[in-house]
C-alpha atoms as a PDB file:
ATOM      1  CA  UNK A   1       9.926 213.070 117.887  1.00  0.00           C
ATOM      2  CA  UNK A   2       8.434 214.481 115.187  1.00  0.00           C
ATOM      3  CA  UNK A   3       6.300 211.309 114.095  1.00  0.00           C
ATOM      4  CA  UNK A   4       4.655 211.522 110.331  1.00  0.00           C
ATOM      5  CA  UNK A   5       2.034 208.397 110.015  1.00  0.00           C
ATOM      6  CA  UNK A   6       0.521 208.005 106.513  1.00  0.00           C
ATOM      7  CA  UNK A   7      -3.009 206.797 106.399  1.00  0.00           C
ATOM      8  CA  UNK A   8      -2.033 204.838 103.353  1.00  0.00           C
ATOM      9  CA  UNK A   9      -5.008 203.446 101.535  1.00  0.00           C
ATOM     10  CA  UNK A  10      -6.737 206.700 101.601  1.00  0.00           C
ATOM     11  CA  UNK A  11      -3.874 207.759  98.810  1.00  0.00           C
ATOM     12  CA  UNK A  12      -4.020 204.775  96.899  1.00  0.00           C
ATOM     13  CA  UNK A  13      -7.564 205.484  96.525  1.00  0.00           C
ATOM     14  CA  UNK A  14      -6.783 209.211  95.686  1.00  0.00           C
ATOM     15  CA  UNK A  15      -4.066 208.463  93.854  1.00  0.00           C
ATOM     16  CA  UNK A  16      -6.292 206.063  90.861  1.00  0.00           C
ATOM     17  CA  UNK A  17      -8.742 208.728  90.529  1.00  0.00           C
ATOM     18  CA  UNK A  18      -6.362 211.758  90.426  1.00  0.00           C
ATOM     19  CA  UNK A  19      -3.879 209.976  87.965  1.00  0.00           C
ATOM     20  CA  UNK A  20      -4.791 208.464  84.389  1.00  0.00           C
ATOM     21  CA  UNK A  21      -5.661 204.881  84.294  1.00  0.00           C
ATOM     22  CA  UNK A  22      -3.530 205.388  81.080  1.00  0.00           C
ATOM     23  CA  UNK A  23      -0.607 205.991  82.768  1.00  0.00           C
ATOM     24  CA  UNK A  24       2.239 203.459  82.664  1.00  0.00           C
ATOM     25  CA  UNK A  25       6.114 202.904  81.990  1.00  0.00           C
ATOM     26  CA  UNK A  26       6.890 201.946  78.597  1.00  0.00           C
ATOM     27  CA  UNK A  27       7.056 198.361  78.889  1.00  0.00           C
ATOM     28  CA  UNK A  28       2.607 198.511  79.922  1.00  0.00           C
ATOM     29  CA  UNK A  29       2.692 198.188  83.325  1.00  0.00           C
ATOM     30  CA  UNK A  30       0.518 200.349  85.468  1.00  0.00           C
ATOM     31  CA  UNK A  31       1.813 203.075  87.575  1.00  0.00           C
ATOM     32  CA  UNK A  32      -0.931 205.918  88.729  1.00  0.00           C
ATOM     33  CA  UNK A  33      -1.122 204.414  92.494  1.00  0.00           C
ATOM     34  CA  UNK A  34       2.319 203.669  92.748  1.00  0.00           C
ATOM     35  CA  UNK A  35       3.422 207.590  90.893  1.00  0.00           C
ATOM     36  CA  UNK A  36       0.499 209.298  93.335  1.00  0.00           C
ATOM     37  CA  UNK A  37       1.013 207.799  96.429  1.00  0.00           C
ATOM     38  CA  UNK A  38       4.956 207.961  96.314  1.00  0.00           C
ATOM     39  CA  UNK A  39       4.566 211.720  95.606  1.00  0.00           C
ATOM     40  CA  UNK A  40       2.068 212.137  98.250  1.00  0.00           C
ATOM     41  CA  UNK A  41       4.243 210.275 100.574  1.00  0.00           C
ATOM     42  CA  UNK A  42       7.282 212.341  99.193  1.00  0.00           C
ATOM     43  CA  UNK A  43       5.898 215.440  99.615  1.00  0.00           C
ATOM     44  CA  UNK A  44       3.963 214.826 103.211  1.00  0.00           C
ATOM     45  CA  UNK A  45       7.619 213.941 104.714  1.00  0.00           C
ATOM     46  CA  UNK A  46       9.171 217.343 103.143  1.00  0.00           C
ATOM     47  CA  UNK A  47       6.651 219.321 104.098  1.00  0.00           C
ATOM     48  CA  UNK A  48       6.305 218.524 108.286  1.00  0.00           C
ATOM     49  CA  UNK A  49      10.370 217.245 108.031  1.00  0.00           C
ATOM     50  CA  UNK A  50       9.531 214.873 110.904  1.00  0.00           C
ATOM     51  CA  UNK A  51      12.063 212.572 112.405  1.00  0.00           C
ATOM     52  CA  UNK A  52       9.799 209.228 112.128  1.00  0.00           C
ATOM     53  CA  UNK A  53       7.620 207.718 109.709  1.00  0.00           C
ATOM     54  CA  UNK A  54       5.763 204.782 109.536  1.00  0.00           C
ATOM     55  CA  UNK A  55       3.015 203.834 106.358  1.00  0.00           C
ATOM     56  CA  UNK A  56       0.108 202.520 107.624  1.00  0.00           C
ATOM     57  CA  UNK A  57      -1.774 199.229 106.102  1.00  0.00           C
ATOM     58  CA  UNK A  58      -4.817 197.602 106.219  1.00  0.00           C
ATOM     59  CA  UNK A  59      -5.707 193.875 107.156  1.00  0.00           C
ATOM     60  CA  UNK A  60      -5.296 192.024 103.795  1.00  0.00           C
ATOM     61  CA  UNK A  61      -6.479 188.065 105.548  1.00  0.00           C
ATOM     62  CA  UNK A  62      -9.450 188.648 106.978  1.00  0.00           C
ATOM     63  CA  UNK A  63     -12.594 191.308 107.385  1.00  0.00           C
ATOM     64  CA  UNK A  64     -12.436 193.882 109.456  1.00  0.00           C
ATOM     65  CA  UNK A  65     -14.177 193.104 112.776  1.00  0.00           C
ATOM     66  CA  UNK A  66     -16.293 195.739 111.811  1.00  0.00           C
ATOM     67  CA  UNK A  67     -17.568 193.897 109.288  1.00  0.00           C
ATOM     68  CA  UNK A  68     -18.044 191.028 111.563  1.00  0.00           C
ATOM     69  CA  UNK A  69     -19.669 193.269 114.087  1.00  0.00           C
ATOM     70  CA  UNK A  70     -21.790 194.526 111.362  1.00  0.00           C
ATOM     71  CA  UNK A  71     -22.868 192.274 108.285  1.00  0.00           C
ATOM     72  CA  UNK A  72     -23.750 195.956 106.173  1.00  0.00           C
ATOM     73  CA  UNK A  73     -20.498 197.959 106.933  1.00  0.00           C
ATOM     74  CA  UNK A  74     -18.848 199.604 104.267  1.00  0.00           C
ATOM     75  CA  UNK A  75     -21.283 197.052 101.767  1.00  0.00           C
ATOM     76  CA  UNK A  76     -22.583 200.692  99.634  1.00  0.00           C
ATOM     77  CA  UNK A  77     -19.126 200.931  98.083  1.00  0.00           C
ATOM     78  CA  UNK A  78     -19.384 199.477  94.982  1.00  0.00           C
ATOM     79  CA  UNK A  79     -16.816 198.311  92.647  1.00  0.00           C
ATOM     80  CA  UNK A  80     -15.351 200.398  89.458  1.00  0.00           C
ATOM     81  CA  UNK A  81     -15.323 198.774  86.484  1.00  0.00           C
ATOM     82  CA  UNK A  82     -13.735 195.584  86.440  1.00  0.00           C
ATOM     83  CA  UNK A  83     -10.981 196.012  84.733  1.00  0.00           C
ATOM     84  CA  UNK A  84     -10.348 199.704  86.579  1.00  0.00           C
ATOM     85  CA  UNK A  85     -10.811 197.431  89.659  1.00  0.00           C
ATOM     86  CA  UNK A  86      -7.614 194.760  88.440  1.00  0.00           C
ATOM     87  CA  UNK A  87      -5.329 197.692  87.225  1.00  0.00           C
ATOM     88  CA  UNK A  88      -5.881 199.276  90.626  1.00  0.00           C
ATOM     89  CA  UNK A  89      -5.318 196.383  92.992  1.00  0.00           C
ATOM     90  CA  UNK A  90      -2.429 194.990  90.550  1.00  0.00           C
ATOM     91  CA  UNK A  91      -0.099 197.987  91.804  1.00  0.00           C
ATOM     92  CA  UNK A  92      -1.308 197.209  95.558  1.00  0.00           C
ATOM     93  CA  UNK A  93       1.716 194.660  96.325  1.00  0.00           C
ATOM     94  CA  UNK A  94       3.852 196.973  93.778  1.00  0.00           C
ATOM     95  CA  UNK A  95       3.650 199.917  96.462  1.00  0.00           C
ATOM     96  CA  UNK A  96       4.120 197.665  99.188  1.00  0.00           C
ATOM     97  CA  UNK A  97       7.357 196.120  97.811  1.00  0.00           C
ATOM     98  CA  UNK A  98       8.643 199.722  97.151  1.00  0.00           C
ATOM     99  CA  UNK A  99       7.848 200.520 100.587  1.00  0.00           C
ATOM    100  CA  UNK A 100      10.156 197.567 101.334  1.00  0.00           C
ATOM    101  CA  UNK A 101      12.544 198.308  99.174  1.00  0.00           C
ATOM    102  CA  UNK A 102      13.082 201.955 100.280  1.00  0.00           C
ATOM    103  CA  UNK A 103      13.161 200.989 103.694  1.00  0.00           C
ATOM    104  CA  UNK A 104       9.589 202.634 104.577  1.00  0.00           C
ATOM    105  CA  UNK A 105       7.974 201.026 107.790  1.00  0.00           C
ATOM    106  CA  UNK A 106       4.040 199.977 106.715  1.00  0.00           C
ATOM    107  CA  UNK A 107       2.804 198.591 109.805  1.00  0.00           C
ATOM    108  CA  UNK A 108      -1.242 196.465 109.793  1.00  0.00           C
ATOM    109  CA  UNK A 109      -2.159 193.772 112.128  1.00  0.00           C
ATOM    110  CA  UNK A 110      -5.367 191.304 110.857  1.00  0.00           C
ATOM    111  CA  UNK A 111      -8.661 191.454 111.365  1.00  0.00           C
ATOM    112  CA  UNK A 112      -8.356 195.850 111.775  1.00  0.00           C
ATOM    113  CA  UNK A 113      -8.434 198.440 109.621  1.00  0.00           C
ATOM    114  CA  UNK A 114      -6.246 200.939 108.328  1.00  0.00           C
ATOM    115  CA  UNK A 115      -7.640 203.551 110.822  1.00  0.00           C
ATOM    116  CA  UNK A 116      -6.812 201.189 114.120  1.00  0.00           C
ATOM    117  CA  UNK A 117      -3.230 201.325 112.950  1.00  0.00           C
ATOM    118  CA  UNK A 118      -2.688 204.231 113.040  1.00  0.00           C
ATOM    119  CA  UNK A 119      -4.979 204.800 116.328  1.00  0.00           C
ATOM    120  CA  UNK A 120      -2.606 202.664 118.478  1.00  0.00           C
ATOM    121  CA  UNK A 121       0.349 204.096 117.226  1.00  0.00           C
ATOM    122  CA  UNK A 122      -0.204 208.178 117.536  1.00  0.00           C
ATOM    123  CA  UNK A 123      -1.767 206.850 120.830  1.00  0.00           C
ATOM    124  CA  UNK A 124       0.855 204.585 121.445  1.00  0.00           C
ATOM    125  CA  UNK A 125       3.797 206.857 121.257  1.00  0.00           C
ATOM    126  CA  UNK A 126       1.460 209.590 122.588  1.00  0.00           C
ATOM    127  CA  UNK A 127       1.639 208.391 125.886  1.00  0.00           C
ATOM    128  CA  UNK A 128       5.184 207.364 125.929  1.00  0.00           C
ATOM    129  CA  UNK A 129       6.884 210.646 124.788  1.00  0.00           C
ATOM    130  CA  UNK A 130       4.653 213.465 125.807  1.00  0.00           C
ATOM    131  CA  UNK A 131       7.057 215.868 124.234  1.00  0.00           C
ATOM    132  CA  UNK A 132       6.524 214.702 121.136  1.00  0.00           C
ATOM    133  CA  UNK A 133       4.377 215.895 117.726  1.00  0.00           C
ATOM    134  CA  UNK A 134       2.489 213.225 115.766  1.00  0.00           C
ATOM    135  CA  UNK A 135       1.001 214.016 112.175  1.00  0.00           C
ATOM    136  CA  UNK A 136      -1.651 212.138 110.824  1.00  0.00           C
ATOM    137  CA  UNK A 137      -1.596 212.391 106.998  1.00  0.00           C
ATOM    138  CA  UNK A 138      -5.382 212.002 105.529  1.00  0.00           C
ATOM    139  CA  UNK A 139      -8.388 213.296 104.553  1.00  0.00           C
ATOM    140  CA  UNK A 140     -10.696 210.829 106.380  1.00  0.00           C
ATOM    141  CA  UNK A 141     -12.437 212.935 108.771  1.00  0.00           C
ATOM    142  CA  UNK A 142     -12.587 209.440 111.066  1.00  0.00           C
ATOM    143  CA  UNK A 143      -9.678 210.529 112.903  1.00  0.00           C
ATOM    144  CA  UNK A 144     -10.280 213.825 113.766  1.00  0.00           C
ATOM    145  CA  UNK A 145     -11.233 211.569 117.141  1.00  0.00           C
ATOM    146  CA  UNK A 146      -7.833 210.420 117.817  1.00  0.00           C
ATOM    147  CA  UNK A 147      -6.655 215.079 117.689  1.00  0.00           C
ATOM    148  CA  UNK A 148      -5.373 215.398 121.607  1.00  0.00           C
ATOM    149  CA  UNK A 149      -2.834 217.638 123.018  1.00  0.00           C
ATOM    150  CA  UNK A 150       0.329 216.680 120.603  1.00  0.00           C
ATOM    151  CA  UNK A 151      -1.608 214.795 117.827  1.00  0.00           C
ATOM    152  CA  UNK A 152      -2.949 216.399 115.060  1.00  0.00           C
ATOM    153  CA  UNK A 153      -4.355 215.867 111.457  1.00  0.00           C
ATOM    154  CA  UNK A 154      -3.108 217.086 108.126  1.00  0.00           C
ATOM    155  CA  UNK A 155      -6.060 216.629 105.968  1.00  0.00           C
ATOM    156  CA  UNK A 156      -4.761 217.579 102.521  1.00  0.00           C
ATOM    157  CA  UNK A 157      -6.399 219.999  99.966  1.00  0.00           C
ATOM    158  CA  UNK A 158      -9.178 218.791  97.249  1.00  0.00           C
ATOM    159  CA  UNK A 159      -9.476 221.198  94.288  1.00  0.00           C
ATOM    160  CA  UNK A 160     -11.752 223.523  93.724  1.00  0.00           C
ATOM    161  CA  UNK A 161     -13.308 224.010  96.885  1.00  0.00           C
ATOM    162  CA  UNK A 162     -11.585 222.175 100.245  1.00  0.00           C
ATOM    163  CA  UNK A 163      -8.302 223.453 101.044  1.00  0.00           C
ATOM    164  CA  UNK A 164      -6.017 222.323 103.141  1.00  0.00           C
ATOM    165  CA  UNK A 165      -5.647 222.253 106.569  1.00  0.00           C
ATOM    166  CA  UNK A 166      -4.046 221.416 110.187  1.00  0.00           C
ATOM    167  CA  UNK A 167      -6.406 220.181 112.963  1.00  0.00           C
ATOM    168  CA  UNK A 168      -5.828 220.883 116.116  1.00  0.00           C
ATOM    169  CA  UNK A 169      -7.203 220.696 119.527  1.00  0.00           C
ATOM    170  CA  UNK A 170      -7.988 224.163 119.011  1.00  0.00           C
ATOM    171  CA  UNK A 171      -8.922 224.429 115.293  1.00  0.00           C
ATOM    172  CA  UNK A 172     -11.375 221.137 116.023  1.00  0.00           C
ATOM    173  CA  UNK A 173     -13.111 223.021 118.874  1.00  0.00           C
ATOM    174  CA  UNK A 174     -13.951 225.717 116.245  1.00  0.00           C
ATOM    175  CA  UNK A 175     -15.161 224.168 113.625  1.00  0.00           C
ATOM    176  CA  UNK A 176     -17.627 221.472 116.139  1.00  0.00           C
ATOM    177  CA  UNK A 177     -18.086 223.009 119.354  1.00  0.00           C
ATOM    178  CA  UNK A 178     -16.897 220.149 121.123  1.00  0.00           C
ATOM    179  CA  UNK A 179     -13.896 217.972 122.172  1.00  0.00           C
ATOM    180  CA  UNK A 180     -12.322 215.851 119.273  1.00  0.00           C
ATOM    181  CA  UNK A 181     -12.840 213.028 121.448  1.00  0.00           C
ATOM    182  CA  UNK A 182     -16.734 213.407 121.473  1.00  0.00           C
ATOM    183  CA  UNK A 183     -16.246 212.883 117.491  1.00  0.00           C
ATOM    184  CA  UNK A 184     -17.912 209.157 118.542  1.00  0.00           C
ATOM    185  CA  UNK A 185     -20.207 210.193 119.978  1.00  0.00           C
ATOM    186  CA  UNK A 186     -21.465 212.518 117.173  1.00  0.00           C
ATOM    187  CA  UNK A 187     -21.135 209.946 114.251  1.00  0.00           C
ATOM    188  CA  UNK A 188     -22.691 207.161 116.408  1.00  0.00           C
ATOM    189  CA  UNK A 189     -26.132 209.784 116.023  1.00  0.00           C
ATOM    190  CA  UNK A 190     -25.376 211.278 112.705  1.00  0.00           C
ATOM    191  CA  UNK A 191     -24.055 207.973 111.371  1.00  0.00           C
ATOM    192  CA  UNK A 192     -22.212 207.815 108.380  1.00  0.00           C
ATOM    193  CA  UNK A 193     -23.457 207.338 104.968  1.00  0.00           C
ATOM    194  CA  UNK A 194     -19.968 206.260 103.318  1.00  0.00           C
ATOM    195  CA  UNK A 195     -19.253 203.445 105.491  1.00  0.00           C
ATOM    196  CA  UNK A 196     -23.332 202.689 106.146  1.00  0.00           C
ATOM    197  CA  UNK A 197     -23.025 203.650 109.749  1.00  0.00           C
ATOM    198  CA  UNK A 198     -27.252 203.578 110.284  1.00  0.00           C
ATOM    199  CA  UNK A 199     -26.452 206.581 113.470  1.00  0.00           C
ATOM    200  CA  UNK A 200     -30.115 207.596 114.006  1.00  0.00           C
ATOM    201  CA  UNK A 201     -32.530 207.832 111.621  1.00  0.00           C
ATOM    202  CA  UNK A 202     -33.601 211.680 111.171  1.00  0.00           C
ATOM    203  CA  UNK A 203     -30.600 212.976 112.836  1.00  0.00           C
ATOM    204  CA  UNK A 204     -29.236 215.550 110.778  1.00  0.00           C
ATOM    205  CA  UNK A 205     -25.866 218.027 112.289  1.00  0.00           C
ATOM    206  CA  UNK A 206     -27.067 220.450 113.180  1.00  0.00           C
ATOM    207  CA  UNK A 207     -29.441 218.320 116.308  1.00  0.00           C
ATOM    208  CA  UNK A 208     -26.788 216.034 116.769  1.00  0.00           C
ATOM    209  CA  UNK A 209     -24.072 218.707 117.607  1.00  0.00           C
ATOM    210  CA  UNK A 210     -26.407 220.621 120.108  1.00  0.00           C
ATOM    211  CA  UNK A 211     -27.327 217.193 121.086  1.00  0.00           C
ATOM    212  CA  UNK A 212     -23.449 216.553 122.311  1.00  0.00           C
ATOM    213  CA  UNK A 213     -22.529 219.766 123.111  1.00  0.00           C
ATOM    214  CA  UNK A 214     -25.543 220.103 126.014  1.00  0.00           C
ATOM    215  CA  UNK A 215     -25.260 216.010 127.116  1.00  0.00           C
ATOM    216  CA  UNK A 216     -21.132 214.979 126.569  1.00  0.00           C
ATOM    217  CA  UNK A 217     -21.777 211.964 125.136  1.00  0.00           C
ATOM    218  CA  UNK A 218     -24.400 209.068 123.674  1.00  0.00           C
ATOM    219  CA  UNK A 219     -24.271 207.770 126.601  1.00  0.00           C
ATOM    220  CA  UNK A 220     -25.761 210.901 128.573  1.00  0.00           C
ATOM    221  CA  UNK A 221     -28.245 211.427 126.413  1.00  0.00           C
ATOM    222  CA  UNK A 222     -30.039 208.217 126.634  1.00  0.00           C
ATOM    223  CA  UNK A 223     -29.664 209.020 131.117  1.00  0.00           C
ATOM    224  CA  UNK A 224     -31.515 212.414 130.153  1.00  0.00           C
ATOM    225  CA  UNK A 225     -33.569 210.765 127.364  1.00  0.00           C
ATOM    226  CA  UNK A 226     -36.676 212.813 129.136  1.00  0.00           C
ATOM    227  CA  UNK A 227     -35.251 216.710 129.074  1.00  0.00           C
ATOM    228  CA  UNK A 228     -35.299 216.417 126.149  1.00  0.00           C
ATOM    229  CA  UNK A 229     -37.704 218.896 124.827  1.00  0.00           C
ATOM    230  CA  UNK A 230     -38.312 218.317 121.216  1.00  0.00           C
ATOM    231  CA  UNK A 231     -40.924 215.102 121.058  1.00  0.00           C
ATOM    232  CA  UNK A 232     -40.163 214.543 117.670  1.00  0.00           C
ATOM    233  CA  UNK A 233     -35.959 214.327 118.500  1.00  0.00           C
ATOM    234  CA  UNK A 234     -36.390 212.430 121.798  1.00  0.00           C
ATOM    235  CA  UNK A 235     -38.722 209.550 119.781  1.00  0.00           C
ATOM    236  CA  UNK A 236     -36.739 209.524 116.714  1.00  0.00           C
ATOM    237  CA  UNK A 237     -33.302 209.225 119.566  1.00  0.00           C
ATOM    238  CA  UNK A 238     -36.009 205.601 121.314  1.00  0.00           C
ATOM    239  CA  UNK A 239     -36.652 204.609 118.346  1.00  0.00           C
ATOM    240  CA  UNK A 240     -33.090 203.950 116.789  1.00  0.00           C
ATOM    241  CA  UNK A 241     -31.686 203.067 120.208  1.00  0.00           C
ATOM    242  CA  UNK A 242     -29.919 200.436 119.321  1.00  0.00           C
ATOM    243  CA  UNK A 243     -28.605 201.843 115.954  1.00  0.00           C
ATOM    244  CA  UNK A 244     -26.874 205.093 117.978  1.00  0.00           C
ATOM    245  CA  UNK A 245     -24.780 202.593 120.357  1.00  0.00           C
ATOM    246  CA  UNK A 246     -24.532 199.817 117.446  1.00  0.00           C
ATOM    247  CA  UNK A 247     -22.678 203.233 115.464  1.00  0.00           C
ATOM    248  CA  UNK A 248     -20.493 204.471 117.988  1.00  0.00           C
ATOM    249  CA  UNK A 249     -18.589 201.031 117.890  1.00  0.00           C
ATOM    250  CA  UNK A 250     -18.373 201.035 114.381  1.00  0.00           C
ATOM    251  CA  UNK A 251     -17.234 204.568 114.952  1.00  0.00           C
ATOM    252  CA  UNK A 252     -14.407 204.041 117.618  1.00  0.00           C
ATOM    253  CA  UNK A 253     -10.727 203.767 116.072  1.00  0.00           C
ATOM    254  CA  UNK A 254      -8.861 201.550 118.353  1.00  0.00           C
ATOM    255  CA  UNK A 255      -5.861 202.496 120.035  1.00  0.00           C
ATOM    256  CA  UNK A 256      -4.949 199.957 121.479  1.00  0.00           C
ATOM    257  CA  UNK A 257      -3.577 197.225 118.901  1.00  0.00           C
ATOM    258  CA  UNK A 258      -0.610 194.553 120.722  1.00  0.00           C
ATOM    259  CA  UNK A 259       1.585 196.190 117.948  1.00  0.00           C
ATOM    260  CA  UNK A 260       5.326 195.213 118.571  1.00  0.00           C
ATOM    261  CA  UNK A 261       7.396 197.916 116.977  1.00  0.00           C
ATOM    262  CA  UNK A 262      10.740 199.731 117.436  1.00  0.00           C
ATOM    263  CA  UNK A 263       9.747 203.077 116.956  1.00  0.00           C
ATOM    264  CA  UNK A 264      14.089 203.462 115.607  1.00  0.00           C
ATOM    265  CA  UNK A 265      13.153 200.936 112.800  1.00  0.00           C
ATOM    266  CA  UNK A 266      10.684 204.205 111.649  1.00  0.00           C
ATOM    267  CA  UNK A 267      13.478 206.416 111.400  1.00  0.00           C
ATOM    268  CA  UNK A 268      13.574 208.759 107.984  1.00  0.00           C
ATOM    269  CA  UNK A 269      17.193 208.574 108.424  1.00  0.00           C
ATOM    270  CA  UNK A 270      17.277 205.134 107.339  1.00  0.00           C
ATOM    271  CA  UNK A 271      15.063 205.478 104.099  1.00  0.00           C
ATOM    272  CA  UNK A 272      17.196 203.634 101.355  1.00  0.00           C
ATOM    273  CA  UNK A 273      17.477 207.500  98.910  1.00  0.00           C
ATOM    274  CA  UNK A 274      20.081 205.373  96.288  1.00  0.00           C
ATOM    275  CA  UNK A 275      17.973 202.512  96.315  1.00  0.00           C
ATOM    276  CA  UNK A 276      14.942 204.796  95.909  1.00  0.00           C
ATOM    277  CA  UNK A 277      17.052 206.286  92.588  1.00  0.00           C
ATOM    278  CA  UNK A 278      16.891 202.006  90.995  1.00  0.00           C
ATOM    279  CA  UNK A 279      12.954 201.923  92.320  1.00  0.00           C
ATOM    280  CA  UNK A 280      12.273 205.252  90.198  1.00  0.00           C
ATOM    281  CA  UNK A 281      13.911 204.270  86.774  1.00  0.00           C
ATOM    282  CA  UNK A 282      12.476 201.012  86.761  1.00  0.00           C
ATOM    283  CA  UNK A 283       8.754 202.819  86.963  1.00  0.00           C
ATOM    284  CA  UNK A 284       9.952 205.176  85.278  1.00  0.00           C
ATOM    285  CA  UNK A 285       9.826 208.083  87.722  1.00  0.00           C
ATOM    286  CA  UNK A 286      11.929 211.074  86.535  1.00  0.00           C
ATOM    287  CA  UNK A 287       9.607 214.019  87.603  1.00  0.00           C
ATOM    288  CA  UNK A 288      10.565 212.890  91.804  1.00  0.00           C
ATOM    289  CA  UNK A 289      14.294 212.342  91.145  1.00  0.00           C
ATOM    290  CA  UNK A 290      13.960 216.412  92.415  1.00  0.00           C
ATOM    291  CA  UNK A 291      11.699 215.085  95.728  1.00  0.00           C
ATOM    292  CA  UNK A 292      14.655 212.467  96.431  1.00  0.00           C
ATOM    293  CA  UNK A 293      17.469 215.129  96.250  1.00  0.00           C
ATOM    294  CA  UNK A 294      15.429 217.241  99.153  1.00  0.00           C
ATOM    295  CA  UNK A 295      14.910 213.971 101.446  1.00  0.00           C
ATOM    296  CA  UNK A 296      18.660 213.034 100.993  1.00  0.00           C
ATOM    297  CA  UNK A 297      18.972 217.119 102.248  1.00  0.00           C
ATOM    298  CA  UNK A 298      16.811 216.435 104.935  1.00  0.00           C
ATOM    299  CA  UNK A 299      18.874 213.240 106.505  1.00  0.00           C
ATOM    300  CA  UNK A 300      21.953 214.876 106.193  1.00  0.00           C
ATOM    301  CA  UNK A 301      20.485 217.739 108.587  1.00  0.00           C
ATOM    302  CA  UNK A 302      19.385 215.089 110.870  1.00  0.00           C
ATOM    303  CA  UNK A 303      22.449 213.077 111.157  1.00  0.00           C
ATOM    304  CA  UNK A 304      23.060 213.743 114.343  1.00  0.00           C
ATOM    305  CA  UNK A 305      20.499 211.705 115.418  1.00  0.00           C
ATOM    306  CA  UNK A 306      20.265 208.962 113.573  1.00  0.00           C
ATOM    307  CA  UNK A 307      24.198 208.219 113.443  1.00  0.00           C
ATOM    308  CA  UNK A 308      23.405 205.520 116.409  1.00  0.00           C
ATOM    309  CA  UNK A 309      21.061 203.628 113.891  1.00  0.00           C
ATOM    310  CA  UNK A 310      23.664 203.644 110.594  1.00  0.00           C
END
């Protein structure tokens, strides 16, 4: 099995900013988010040739447990222009409908973020099938903590400076000097301004990495606080102990949500490419028809594996 997991809301936001807001159908229906996401989804499938694909979705019916734990979580995420915000939000249910009509699995759970859905699905099927290959498609650095012997993260390019990169255990260690599982401890020290995770005030990237490399975990750092030679670093850690452990909780992706899900429902052979033609015509996505043809060809190559599902 080769499972591709899409961090849906990352691509929804990316599409909103990557494609002109003026992008509309002839009837005046805004489509920049729908088009950008659909293009990214098809490109990802064609690039990685997975046997299964899942779109992880954000909880809509109640706030994330992280906001209950720390009300200031993500508080610095400013809303844009009200009209633009409405244009973005109006397209979200249309993306959900598009996925349903194409028979592409969309998974979510109340009270949890898309990260937690990704974490749960990736770990669940990694453990159930150790021979499987799982690729998480996102630019979110938080997901790097999920990297394992058969789980990798593909970070798409962001021109002009950031090139696309497939991060596995080896490349992660080359970049950070510690294991992927220690990414949570690193963020507990470093914090994350994008999510308003406080971390330890005054501890930067270099110091955080050196502490993780030397002591291994946040708990071990505090158990050996007297062994930290630099007085300034030691005092910052002591002063911000509560924030450090809170930050570790906020940074930890949940991997055990009780999701009842049959992986074979996500087989790419079940994607309805004929239905997709009608949907694309409705949204006037004519430039995506060639990708549909490529997807259909990929499905035909997998026919021996999906014949029992049809």
